[in-house]
Amino acid sequence: MRLIWVRHGETEGNRQGRYVGHWDDPINERGRQQARMVAERLSRERVSAIYTSDLCRAKETASIIAAHHPLVRLTITPLLRECGFGEWEGRTYDEIAANEEIHLRRWYDDPWCVSPPGGECLQEMEQRISRWLEAVAVCYGSGDTLVAVAHAGPIRLFHAKWVKRNPRALWDFSLPHGGVLAVRRSRDGWEEEPWNPS
């Protein structure tokens, strides 16, 4: 099975450097342009299914992609949501650091166990992603290609835990808005593969 992760298009909150999390921020004009560009590139793929987070920035991006695949089912799931940042949502790093620098530093050093106030730690997000991966593994086989439209957090977590097999490598990988991470599942686990459609 191939899995093509797509990060949603840019939002105003993203542009302003805010922690967006579960805050339902729609994509802006630049985000729509990013979504159209990745949709055009994905139009050459034989896609078996498209999954998306239930947050509007991901759903909007996925809808633009799905328009190129009218016979493919688009499934909306909260399992692919961004990490919940709780009280930090809508605030910038500097705004948080001004009042909660110690908590912010603790979270940055160990996001697997430390959560933002009222938010979730990465262990909780990992459980969601694991449930989703288990569900799609039952439904799809080696010849299938899935598209998953999600957020920086879930994609980074997947890359660190399932591709690099090193949860501490979380901050070593980033994907721009409208960016793609293509992976293939083998007997040995998930492996990153080049993705450059002509």
N, C-alpha and C. Protein backbone atom coordinates (compact mmCIF):
# COMPACT_ATOMS: atom_id res chain seq x y z
N MET A 1 0.84 -1.19 0.00
CA MET A 1 0.00 0.00 0.00
C MET A 1 0.88 1.25 0.00
N ARG A 2 0.52 2.18 -0.86
CA ARG A 2 1.18 3.49 -0.86
C ARG A 2 0.29 4.48 -0.13
N LEU A 3 0.94 5.37 0.60
CA LEU A 3 0.22 6.41 1.32
C LEU A 3 0.86 7.75 0.97
N ILE A 4 0.05 8.65 0.46
CA ILE A 4 0.54 9.98 0.11
C ILE A 4 -0.06 10.98 1.09
N TRP A 5 0.77 11.44 2.01
CA TRP A 5 0.36 12.46 2.97
C TRP A 5 0.44 13.83 2.30
N VAL A 6 -0.57 14.65 2.51
CA VAL A 6 -0.58 16.02 2.00
C VAL A 6 -0.86 16.96 3.17
N ARG A 7 -0.02 17.96 3.34
CA ARG A 7 -0.31 18.98 4.35
C ARG A 7 -1.27 20.00 3.73
N HIS A 8 -2.28 20.36 4.49
CA HIS A 8 -3.30 21.31 4.02
C HIS A 8 -2.69 22.63 3.57
N GLY A 9 -3.46 23.41 2.82
CA GLY A 9 -3.03 24.73 2.38
C GLY A 9 -2.96 25.71 3.55
N GLU A 10 -2.26 26.80 3.33
CA GLU A 10 -2.02 27.80 4.36
C GLU A 10 -3.31 28.49 4.82
N THR A 11 -3.36 28.83 6.10
CA THR A 11 -4.45 29.62 6.67
C THR A 11 -3.88 30.96 7.16
N GLU A 12 -4.77 31.88 7.51
CA GLU A 12 -4.29 33.16 8.07
C GLU A 12 -3.57 32.93 9.39
N GLY A 13 -4.07 32.00 10.20
CA GLY A 13 -3.39 31.68 11.45
C GLY A 13 -1.98 31.16 11.21
N ASN A 14 -1.83 30.29 10.21
CA ASN A 14 -0.49 29.81 9.85
C ASN A 14 0.40 30.97 9.41
N ARG A 15 -0.13 31.84 8.57
CA ARG A 15 0.65 32.96 8.04
C ARG A 15 1.14 33.86 9.17
N GLN A 16 0.33 33.99 10.21
CA GLN A 16 0.68 34.85 11.34
C GLN A 16 1.54 34.12 12.38
N GLY A 17 1.87 32.85 12.13
CA GLY A 17 2.71 32.09 13.06
C GLY A 17 1.99 31.65 14.32
N ARG A 18 0.68 31.43 14.23
CA ARG A 18 -0.11 31.03 15.40
C ARG A 18 -0.20 29.51 15.52
N TYR A 19 -0.32 29.03 16.75
CA TYR A 19 -0.64 27.62 16.99
C TYR A 19 -2.11 27.45 16.66
N VAL A 20 -2.41 26.72 15.60
CA VAL A 20 -3.79 26.62 15.13
C VAL A 20 -4.51 25.45 15.78
N GLY A 21 -3.88 24.27 15.83
CA GLY A 21 -4.47 23.11 16.51
C GLY A 21 -5.85 22.77 16.03
N HIS A 22 -6.81 22.67 16.97
CA HIS A 22 -8.20 22.33 16.63
C HIS A 22 -9.02 23.56 16.25
N TRP A 23 -8.42 24.73 16.33
CA TRP A 23 -9.07 25.97 15.91
C TRP A 23 -9.41 25.81 14.43
N ASP A 24 -10.65 26.03 14.05
CA ASP A 24 -11.10 25.71 12.69
C ASP A 24 -10.89 26.89 11.74
N ASP A 25 -9.66 27.07 11.34
CA ASP A 25 -9.22 28.19 10.51
C ASP A 25 -9.26 27.78 9.03
N PRO A 26 -10.02 28.46 8.17
CA PRO A 26 -10.07 28.07 6.75
C PRO A 26 -8.79 28.46 6.01
N ILE A 27 -8.57 27.83 4.86
CA ILE A 27 -7.40 28.19 4.07
C ILE A 27 -7.61 29.57 3.43
N ASN A 28 -6.51 30.28 3.25
CA ASN A 28 -6.56 31.60 2.61
C ASN A 28 -6.32 31.44 1.10
N GLU A 29 -6.20 32.55 0.39
CA GLU A 29 -6.03 32.46 -1.07
C GLU A 29 -4.73 31.74 -1.43
N ARG A 30 -3.67 32.01 -0.70
CA ARG A 30 -2.42 31.29 -0.96
C ARG A 30 -2.61 29.80 -0.70
N GLY A 31 -3.36 29.46 0.35
CA GLY A 31 -3.65 28.06 0.66
C GLY A 31 -4.44 27.38 -0.44
N ARG A 32 -5.40 28.11 -1.03
CA ARG A 32 -6.16 27.54 -2.16
C ARG A 32 -5.26 27.30 -3.36
N GLN A 33 -4.34 28.22 -3.59
CA GLN A 33 -3.39 28.05 -4.69
C GLN A 33 -2.50 26.82 -4.44
N GLN A 34 -2.03 26.65 -3.21
CA GLN A 34 -1.22 25.48 -2.86
C GLN A 34 -2.02 24.20 -3.07
N ALA A 35 -3.30 24.23 -2.66
CA ALA A 35 -4.15 23.05 -2.82
C ALA A 35 -4.37 22.72 -4.30
N ARG A 36 -4.58 23.75 -5.11
CA ARG A 36 -4.76 23.51 -6.56
C ARG A 36 -3.49 22.93 -7.19
N MET A 37 -2.34 23.40 -6.75
CA MET A 37 -1.08 22.90 -7.31
C MET A 37 -0.86 21.43 -6.96
N VAL A 38 -1.09 21.07 -5.69
CA VAL A 38 -0.88 19.67 -5.31
C VAL A 38 -1.96 18.79 -5.93
N ALA A 39 -3.18 19.31 -6.07
CA ALA A 39 -4.26 18.54 -6.70
C ALA A 39 -3.91 18.22 -8.15
N GLU A 40 -3.34 19.19 -8.84
CA GLU A 40 -2.94 18.97 -10.24
C GLU A 40 -1.87 17.88 -10.31
N ARG A 41 -0.91 17.93 -9.41
CA ARG A 41 0.15 16.91 -9.40
C ARG A 41 -0.41 15.54 -9.04
N LEU A 42 -1.37 15.50 -8.12
CA LEU A 42 -1.98 14.22 -7.72
C LEU A 42 -2.94 13.67 -8.76
N SER A 43 -3.36 14.49 -9.70
CA SER A 43 -4.33 14.04 -10.70
C SER A 43 -3.78 12.90 -11.56
N ARG A 44 -2.47 12.74 -11.59
CA ARG A 44 -1.84 11.67 -12.37
C ARG A 44 -1.80 10.34 -11.62
N GLU A 45 -2.13 10.37 -10.34
CA GLU A 45 -2.09 9.16 -9.51
C GLU A 45 -3.39 8.35 -9.66
N ARG A 46 -3.27 7.03 -9.58
CA ARG A 46 -4.45 6.16 -9.50
C ARG A 46 -4.77 5.98 -8.02
N VAL A 47 -5.66 6.80 -7.54
CA VAL A 47 -5.97 6.87 -6.10
C VAL A 47 -7.14 5.96 -5.77
N SER A 48 -6.98 5.15 -4.71
CA SER A 48 -8.04 4.25 -4.27
C SER A 48 -8.99 4.93 -3.29
N ALA A 49 -8.47 5.84 -2.47
CA ALA A 49 -9.30 6.52 -1.47
C ALA A 49 -8.60 7.80 -1.02
N ILE A 50 -9.40 8.77 -0.60
CA ILE A 50 -8.88 10.01 -0.04
C ILE A 50 -9.46 10.16 1.36
N TYR A 51 -8.58 10.39 2.32
CA TYR A 51 -8.99 10.63 3.71
C TYR A 51 -8.56 12.04 4.09
N THR A 52 -9.34 12.65 4.96
CA THR A 52 -8.97 13.99 5.43
C THR A 52 -9.37 14.18 6.89
N SER A 53 -8.61 15.00 7.56
CA SER A 53 -8.99 15.50 8.88
C SER A 53 -10.33 16.22 8.76
N ASP A 54 -11.06 16.27 9.86
CA ASP A 54 -12.37 16.94 9.85
C ASP A 54 -12.28 18.46 10.04
N LEU A 55 -11.08 19.01 10.17
CA LEU A 55 -10.94 20.46 10.31
C LEU A 55 -11.01 21.11 8.93
N CYS A 56 -11.64 22.29 8.85
CA CYS A 56 -12.00 22.85 7.55
C CYS A 56 -10.81 23.10 6.64
N ARG A 57 -9.63 23.45 7.19
CA ARG A 57 -8.48 23.71 6.32
C ARG A 57 -8.06 22.44 5.57
N ALA A 58 -8.17 21.29 6.23
CA ALA A 58 -7.86 20.02 5.56
C ALA A 58 -8.99 19.61 4.62
N LYS A 59 -10.24 19.78 5.07
CA LYS A 59 -11.38 19.41 4.22
C LYS A 59 -11.40 20.23 2.93
N GLU A 60 -11.11 21.52 3.03
CA GLU A 60 -11.08 22.37 1.82
C GLU A 60 -9.99 21.89 0.86
N THR A 61 -8.81 21.60 1.40
CA THR A 61 -7.71 21.11 0.57
C THR A 61 -8.08 19.78 -0.07
N ALA A 62 -8.66 18.87 0.73
CA ALA A 62 -9.05 17.55 0.22
C ALA A 62 -10.12 17.65 -0.86
N SER A 63 -11.05 18.57 -0.70
CA SER A 63 -12.12 18.74 -1.71
C SER A 63 -11.54 19.18 -3.05
N ILE A 64 -10.54 20.03 -3.01
CA ILE A 64 -9.89 20.47 -4.25
C ILE A 64 -9.17 19.30 -4.91
N ILE A 65 -8.52 18.46 -4.09
CA ILE A 65 -7.86 17.25 -4.62
C ILE A 65 -8.90 16.28 -5.17
N ALA A 66 -9.97 16.06 -4.41
CA ALA A 66 -11.00 15.08 -4.79
C ALA A 66 -11.70 15.44 -6.10
N ALA A 67 -11.75 16.73 -6.44
CA ALA A 67 -12.38 17.14 -7.70
C ALA A 67 -11.69 16.52 -8.91
N HIS A 68 -10.42 16.16 -8.77
CA HIS A 68 -9.68 15.50 -9.85
C HIS A 68 -9.89 13.99 -9.87
N HIS A 69 -10.59 13.47 -8.85
CA HIS A 69 -10.82 12.03 -8.73
C HIS A 69 -12.30 11.80 -8.41
N PRO A 70 -13.20 12.10 -9.35
CA PRO A 70 -14.64 12.09 -9.05
C PRO A 70 -15.20 10.72 -8.66
N LEU A 71 -14.53 9.64 -8.99
CA LEU A 71 -15.03 8.30 -8.64
C LEU A 71 -14.46 7.78 -7.32
N VAL A 72 -13.61 8.58 -6.68
CA VAL A 72 -12.94 8.15 -5.46
C VAL A 72 -13.65 8.73 -4.25
N ARG A 73 -13.87 7.87 -3.27
CA ARG A 73 -14.56 8.30 -2.05
C ARG A 73 -13.66 9.18 -1.18
N LEU A 74 -14.24 10.26 -0.68
CA LEU A 74 -13.56 11.16 0.26
C LEU A 74 -14.13 10.90 1.65
N THR A 75 -13.28 10.45 2.57
CA THR A 75 -13.71 10.13 3.93
C THR A 75 -13.14 11.14 4.90
N ILE A 76 -14.01 11.72 5.72
CA ILE A 76 -13.62 12.72 6.72
C ILE A 76 -13.50 12.03 8.08
N THR A 77 -12.37 12.22 8.75
CA THR A 77 -12.16 11.56 10.04
C THR A 77 -11.45 12.47 11.04
N PRO A 78 -11.92 12.51 12.28
CA PRO A 78 -11.22 13.29 13.31
C PRO A 78 -9.89 12.65 13.73
N LEU A 79 -9.64 11.41 13.33
CA LEU A 79 -8.40 10.74 13.71
C LEU A 79 -7.17 11.42 13.11
N LEU A 80 -7.36 12.17 12.02
CA LEU A 80 -6.23 12.85 11.36
C LEU A 80 -6.08 14.31 11.77
N ARG A 81 -6.80 14.72 12.82
CA ARG A 81 -6.71 16.10 13.30
C ARG A 81 -5.31 16.47 13.77
N GLU A 82 -5.06 17.77 13.74
CA GLU A 82 -3.83 18.31 14.32
C GLU A 82 -3.84 18.06 15.82
N CYS A 83 -2.69 18.14 16.44
CA CYS A 83 -2.59 18.05 17.89
C CYS A 83 -3.41 19.18 18.50
N GLY A 84 -4.14 18.89 19.55
CA GLY A 84 -4.91 19.92 20.24
C GLY A 84 -3.98 20.75 21.13
N PHE A 85 -3.92 22.05 20.88
CA PHE A 85 -3.03 22.92 21.66
C PHE A 85 -3.74 23.61 22.82
N GLY A 86 -5.01 23.28 23.06
CA GLY A 86 -5.72 23.81 24.21
C GLY A 86 -5.68 25.32 24.30
N GLU A 87 -5.24 25.83 25.45
CA GLU A 87 -5.22 27.28 25.71
C GLU A 87 -4.22 28.03 24.82
N TRP A 88 -3.33 27.31 24.15
CA TRP A 88 -2.35 27.97 23.28
C TRP A 88 -2.89 28.24 21.88
N GLU A 89 -4.04 27.69 21.55
CA GLU A 89 -4.56 27.85 20.19
C GLU A 89 -4.87 29.32 19.90
N GLY A 90 -4.48 29.75 18.71
CA GLY A 90 -4.69 31.13 18.29
C GLY A 90 -3.60 32.08 18.75
N ARG A 91 -2.62 31.57 19.51
CA ARG A 91 -1.54 32.42 20.02
C ARG A 91 -0.23 32.11 19.30
N THR A 92 0.66 33.09 19.24
CA THR A 92 1.98 32.87 18.63
C THR A 92 2.94 32.31 19.68
N TYR A 93 4.06 31.80 19.21
CA TYR A 93 5.10 31.29 20.10
C TYR A 93 5.53 32.38 21.09
N ASP A 94 5.75 33.60 20.57
CA ASP A 94 6.20 34.70 21.44
C ASP A 94 5.16 35.06 22.50
N GLU A 95 3.88 35.03 22.12
CA GLU A 95 2.81 35.33 23.08
C GLU A 95 2.78 34.28 24.19
N ILE A 96 2.96 33.02 23.81
CA ILE A 96 2.96 31.95 24.81
C ILE A 96 4.20 32.05 25.69
N ALA A 97 5.36 32.26 25.06
CA ALA A 97 6.62 32.33 25.80
C ALA A 97 6.64 33.48 26.80
N ALA A 98 5.93 34.56 26.50
CA ALA A 98 5.92 35.72 27.39
C ALA A 98 5.29 35.39 28.74
N ASN A 99 4.33 34.45 28.76
CA ASN A 99 3.62 34.13 30.00
C ASN A 99 3.86 32.72 30.51
N GLU A 100 4.24 31.81 29.62
CA GLU A 100 4.34 30.40 30.01
C GLU A 100 5.62 29.78 29.46
N GLU A 101 6.72 30.48 29.59
CA GLU A 101 7.97 30.03 28.98
C GLU A 101 8.41 28.66 29.49
N ILE A 102 8.29 28.42 30.79
CA ILE A 102 8.74 27.14 31.36
C ILE A 102 7.90 25.99 30.82
N HIS A 103 6.58 26.16 30.81
CA HIS A 103 5.69 25.11 30.28
C HIS A 103 5.97 24.89 28.79
N LEU A 104 6.15 25.96 28.05
CA LEU A 104 6.42 25.86 26.62
C LEU A 104 7.72 25.10 26.37
N ARG A 105 8.75 25.40 27.15
CA ARG A 105 10.04 24.71 27.00
C ARG A 105 9.91 23.23 27.35
N ARG A 106 9.15 22.93 28.42
CA ARG A 106 8.93 21.52 28.81
C ARG A 106 8.21 20.78 27.69
N TRP A 107 7.20 21.41 27.10
CA TRP A 107 6.46 20.77 26.01
C TRP A 107 7.37 20.56 24.80
N TYR A 108 8.15 21.58 24.43
CA TYR A 108 9.02 21.46 23.27
C TYR A 108 10.06 20.35 23.48
N ASP A 109 10.59 20.20 24.70
CA ASP A 109 11.59 19.19 25.01
C ASP A 109 11.00 17.78 25.06
N ASP A 110 9.73 17.66 25.45
CA ASP A 110 9.12 16.32 25.57
C ASP A 110 7.64 16.36 25.21
N PRO A 111 7.31 16.62 23.94
CA PRO A 111 5.90 16.71 23.54
C PRO A 111 5.16 15.38 23.62
N TRP A 112 5.91 14.27 23.76
CA TRP A 112 5.26 12.96 23.86
C TRP A 112 4.53 12.82 25.19
N CYS A 113 5.06 13.45 26.22
CA CYS A 113 4.46 13.29 27.56
C CYS A 113 3.87 14.58 28.12
N VAL A 114 4.32 15.73 27.66
CA VAL A 114 3.85 17.01 28.17
C VAL A 114 2.85 17.59 27.18
N SER A 115 1.71 18.05 27.70
CA SER A 115 0.70 18.64 26.82
C SER A 115 0.54 20.13 27.13
N PRO A 116 0.12 20.92 26.13
CA PRO A 116 -0.24 22.31 26.41
C PRO A 116 -1.42 22.33 27.39
N PRO A 117 -1.64 23.41 28.13
CA PRO A 117 -2.76 23.46 29.06
C PRO A 117 -4.09 23.22 28.33
N GLY A 118 -4.80 22.17 28.74
CA GLY A 118 -6.08 21.85 28.10
C GLY A 118 -5.94 21.19 26.74
N GLY A 119 -4.70 20.87 26.33
CA GLY A 119 -4.47 20.25 25.03
C GLY A 119 -4.10 18.79 25.16
N GLU A 120 -3.48 18.25 24.12
CA GLU A 120 -3.10 16.83 24.15
C GLU A 120 -1.61 16.68 23.92
N CYS A 121 -1.04 15.63 24.49
CA CYS A 121 0.36 15.30 24.24
C CYS A 121 0.43 14.41 22.99
N LEU A 122 1.63 14.20 22.49
CA LEU A 122 1.77 13.43 21.26
C LEU A 122 1.40 11.97 21.42
N GLN A 123 1.48 11.43 22.64
CA GLN A 123 1.03 10.05 22.85
C GLN A 123 -0.44 9.91 22.49
N GLU A 124 -1.23 10.92 22.84
CA GLU A 124 -2.66 10.88 22.51
C GLU A 124 -2.87 10.98 21.01
N MET A 125 -2.14 11.86 20.35
CA MET A 125 -2.27 11.97 18.89
C MET A 125 -1.77 10.70 18.22
N GLU A 126 -0.71 10.11 18.74
CA GLU A 126 -0.18 8.86 18.20
C GLU A 126 -1.24 7.75 18.24
N GLN A 127 -2.01 7.69 19.32
CA GLN A 127 -3.07 6.68 19.42
C GLN A 127 -4.11 6.87 18.32
N ARG A 128 -4.45 8.12 18.02
CA ARG A 128 -5.42 8.39 16.94
C ARG A 128 -4.87 7.93 15.60
N ILE A 129 -3.61 8.30 15.31
CA ILE A 129 -3.01 7.95 14.02
C ILE A 129 -2.89 6.43 13.91
N SER A 130 -2.51 5.77 15.00
CA SER A 130 -2.40 4.30 15.00
C SER A 130 -3.74 3.65 14.67
N ARG A 131 -4.82 4.16 15.27
CA ARG A 131 -6.15 3.59 14.99
C ARG A 131 -6.50 3.76 13.52
N TRP A 132 -6.18 4.92 12.95
CA TRP A 132 -6.47 5.15 11.54
C TRP A 132 -5.65 4.22 10.65
N LEU A 133 -4.35 4.09 10.93
CA LEU A 133 -3.49 3.21 10.13
C LEU A 133 -3.97 1.77 10.19
N GLU A 134 -4.37 1.31 11.38
CA GLU A 134 -4.88 -0.06 11.51
C GLU A 134 -6.15 -0.25 10.70
N ALA A 135 -7.03 0.75 10.71
CA ALA A 135 -8.29 0.65 9.97
C ALA A 135 -8.05 0.59 8.46
N VAL A 136 -7.18 1.44 7.93
CA VAL A 136 -6.96 1.42 6.48
C VAL A 136 -6.19 0.18 6.05
N ALA A 137 -5.34 -0.37 6.92
CA ALA A 137 -4.60 -1.58 6.58
C ALA A 137 -5.54 -2.76 6.36
N VAL A 138 -6.67 -2.76 7.05
CA VAL A 138 -7.67 -3.83 6.89
C VAL A 138 -8.39 -3.70 5.55
N CYS A 139 -8.60 -2.48 5.10
CA CYS A 139 -9.43 -2.22 3.91
C CYS A 139 -8.66 -2.19 2.60
N TYR A 140 -7.36 -1.93 2.64
CA TYR A 140 -6.60 -1.72 1.41
C TYR A 140 -5.36 -2.60 1.37
N GLY A 141 -4.95 -2.96 0.15
CA GLY A 141 -3.81 -3.86 -0.02
C GLY A 141 -2.63 -3.22 -0.70
N SER A 142 -1.70 -4.06 -1.12
CA SER A 142 -0.42 -3.58 -1.65
C SER A 142 -0.57 -2.78 -2.94
N GLY A 143 -1.62 -3.01 -3.71
CA GLY A 143 -1.79 -2.28 -4.96
C GLY A 143 -2.52 -0.96 -4.83
N ASP A 144 -2.93 -0.61 -3.63
CA ASP A 144 -3.72 0.61 -3.42
C ASP A 144 -2.84 1.82 -3.09
N THR A 145 -3.31 2.98 -3.53
CA THR A 145 -2.69 4.26 -3.18
C THR A 145 -3.73 5.11 -2.48
N LEU A 146 -3.42 5.52 -1.26
CA LEU A 146 -4.31 6.37 -0.47
C LEU A 146 -3.71 7.77 -0.37
N VAL A 147 -4.59 8.76 -0.33
CA VAL A 147 -4.18 10.13 -0.06
C VAL A 147 -4.74 10.50 1.31
N ALA A 148 -3.90 11.05 2.18
CA ALA A 148 -4.34 11.51 3.51
C ALA A 148 -4.00 12.98 3.65
N VAL A 149 -5.03 13.82 3.74
CA VAL A 149 -4.82 15.26 3.90
C VAL A 149 -4.88 15.57 5.40
N ALA A 150 -3.78 16.06 5.93
CA ALA A 150 -3.70 16.26 7.37
C ALA A 150 -2.91 17.52 7.68
N HIS A 151 -2.23 17.52 8.80
CA HIS A 151 -1.60 18.70 9.38
C HIS A 151 -0.13 18.40 9.67
N ALA A 152 0.63 19.44 9.99
CA ALA A 152 2.06 19.27 10.26
C ALA A 152 2.30 18.26 11.38
N GLY A 153 1.53 18.35 12.47
CA GLY A 153 1.75 17.47 13.61
C GLY A 153 1.61 15.99 13.29
N PRO A 154 0.45 15.55 12.77
CA PRO A 154 0.30 14.14 12.44
C PRO A 154 1.31 13.63 11.41
N ILE A 155 1.64 14.47 10.42
CA ILE A 155 2.59 14.03 9.39
C ILE A 155 3.99 13.91 9.99
N ARG A 156 4.39 14.87 10.81
CA ARG A 156 5.69 14.80 11.49
C ARG A 156 5.76 13.57 12.38
N LEU A 157 4.70 13.35 13.14
CA LEU A 157 4.66 12.21 14.05
C LEU A 157 4.78 10.91 13.27
N PHE A 158 4.01 10.77 12.18
CA PHE A 158 4.08 9.56 11.36
C PHE A 158 5.50 9.35 10.84
N HIS A 159 6.11 10.41 10.33
CA HIS A 159 7.46 10.30 9.77
C HIS A 159 8.46 9.87 10.84
N ALA A 160 8.38 10.46 12.03
CA ALA A 160 9.33 10.13 13.10
C ALA A 160 9.13 8.70 13.59
N LYS A 161 7.88 8.34 13.89
CA LYS A 161 7.62 7.03 14.52
C LYS A 161 7.62 5.88 13.54
N TRP A 162 6.96 6.03 12.40
CA TRP A 162 6.77 4.90 11.50
C TRP A 162 7.78 4.83 10.36
N VAL A 163 8.33 5.95 9.93
CA VAL A 163 9.31 5.92 8.84
C VAL A 163 10.73 5.87 9.43
N LYS A 164 11.07 6.82 10.28
CA LYS A 164 12.41 6.85 10.88
C LYS A 164 12.55 5.90 12.07
N ARG A 165 11.41 5.47 12.61
CA ARG A 165 11.37 4.57 13.77
C ARG A 165 12.14 5.18 14.95
N ASN A 166 12.02 6.49 15.07
CA ASN A 166 12.69 7.23 16.14
C ASN A 166 11.80 8.39 16.55
N PRO A 167 10.95 8.19 17.56
CA PRO A 167 10.04 9.26 17.98
C PRO A 167 10.73 10.57 18.31
N ARG A 168 11.99 10.52 18.71
CA ARG A 168 12.73 11.74 19.06
C ARG A 168 13.12 12.55 17.82
N ALA A 169 12.90 11.99 16.64
CA ALA A 169 13.24 12.69 15.39
C ALA A 169 12.11 13.61 14.94
N LEU A 170 11.15 13.85 15.80
CA LEU A 170 9.96 14.64 15.46
C LEU A 170 10.30 15.98 14.82
N TRP A 171 11.21 16.73 15.41
CA TRP A 171 11.50 18.08 14.94
C TRP A 171 12.47 18.09 13.75
N ASP A 172 12.95 16.91 13.33
CA ASP A 172 13.92 16.85 12.22
C ASP A 172 13.27 16.90 10.85
N PHE A 173 11.94 16.89 10.80
CA PHE A 173 11.24 16.82 9.52
C PHE A 173 10.15 17.89 9.49
N SER A 174 10.05 18.57 8.37
CA SER A 174 8.93 19.51 8.21
C SER A 174 8.46 19.45 6.77
N LEU A 175 7.22 19.83 6.57
CA LEU A 175 6.59 19.79 5.26
C LEU A 175 5.88 21.12 5.05
N PRO A 176 6.10 21.78 3.92
CA PRO A 176 5.41 23.05 3.69
C PRO A 176 3.93 22.85 3.44
N HIS A 177 3.16 23.91 3.52
CA HIS A 177 1.74 23.82 3.19
C HIS A 177 1.60 23.36 1.74
N GLY A 178 0.73 22.38 1.51
CA GLY A 178 0.59 21.81 0.18
C GLY A 178 1.70 20.83 -0.17
N GLY A 179 2.57 20.54 0.79
CA GLY A 179 3.67 19.60 0.56
C GLY A 179 3.21 18.15 0.65
N VAL A 180 4.04 17.25 0.14
CA VAL A 180 3.70 15.83 0.04
C VAL A 180 4.79 14.97 0.67
N LEU A 181 4.37 13.95 1.41
CA LEU A 181 5.25 12.88 1.88
C LEU A 181 4.67 11.57 1.35
N ALA A 182 5.41 10.89 0.47
CA ALA A 182 4.95 9.61 -0.09
C ALA A 182 5.70 8.48 0.59
N VAL A 183 4.94 7.47 1.03
CA VAL A 183 5.54 6.31 1.70
C VAL A 183 4.89 5.04 1.16
N ARG A 184 5.60 3.93 1.32
CA ARG A 184 5.07 2.63 0.92
C ARG A 184 5.22 1.67 2.09
N ARG A 185 4.19 0.85 2.28
CA ARG A 185 4.24 -0.14 3.36
C ARG A 185 4.83 -1.43 2.81
N SER A 186 5.85 -1.93 3.48
CA SER A 186 6.47 -3.19 3.10
C SER A 186 6.41 -4.13 4.30
N ARG A 187 7.01 -5.31 4.14
CA ARG A 187 7.05 -6.25 5.25
C ARG A 187 7.79 -5.67 6.45
N ASP A 188 8.74 -4.79 6.17
CA ASP A 188 9.57 -4.21 7.23
C ASP A 188 8.99 -2.93 7.83
N GLY A 189 7.86 -2.48 7.33
CA GLY A 189 7.25 -1.25 7.84
C GLY A 189 7.10 -0.22 6.73
N TRP A 190 7.02 1.04 7.12
CA TRP A 190 6.81 2.13 6.16
C TRP A 190 8.15 2.70 5.71
N GLU A 191 8.27 2.90 4.38
CA GLU A 191 9.49 3.46 3.83
C GLU A 191 9.15 4.66 2.95
N GLU A 192 9.92 5.72 3.11
CA GLU A 192 9.72 6.92 2.29
C GLU A 192 10.14 6.62 0.86
N GLU A 193 9.40 7.16 -0.10
CA GLU A 193 9.78 6.98 -1.49
C GLU A 193 9.73 8.32 -2.22
N PRO A 194 10.54 8.46 -3.25
CA PRO A 194 10.52 9.72 -4.00
C PRO A 194 9.15 9.92 -4.65
N TRP A 195 8.71 11.14 -4.69
CA TRP A 195 7.43 11.44 -5.35
C TRP A 195 7.61 12.67 -6.19
N ASN A 196 7.62 12.46 -7.50
CA ASN A 196 7.82 13.58 -8.41
C ASN A 196 7.07 13.30 -9.71
N PRO A 197 5.73 13.40 -9.68
CA PRO A 197 4.97 13.10 -10.89
C PRO A 197 5.32 14.08 -12.01
N SER A 198 5.35 13.57 -13.22
CA SER A 198 5.71 14.43 -14.36
C SER A 198 4.56 15.34 -14.74
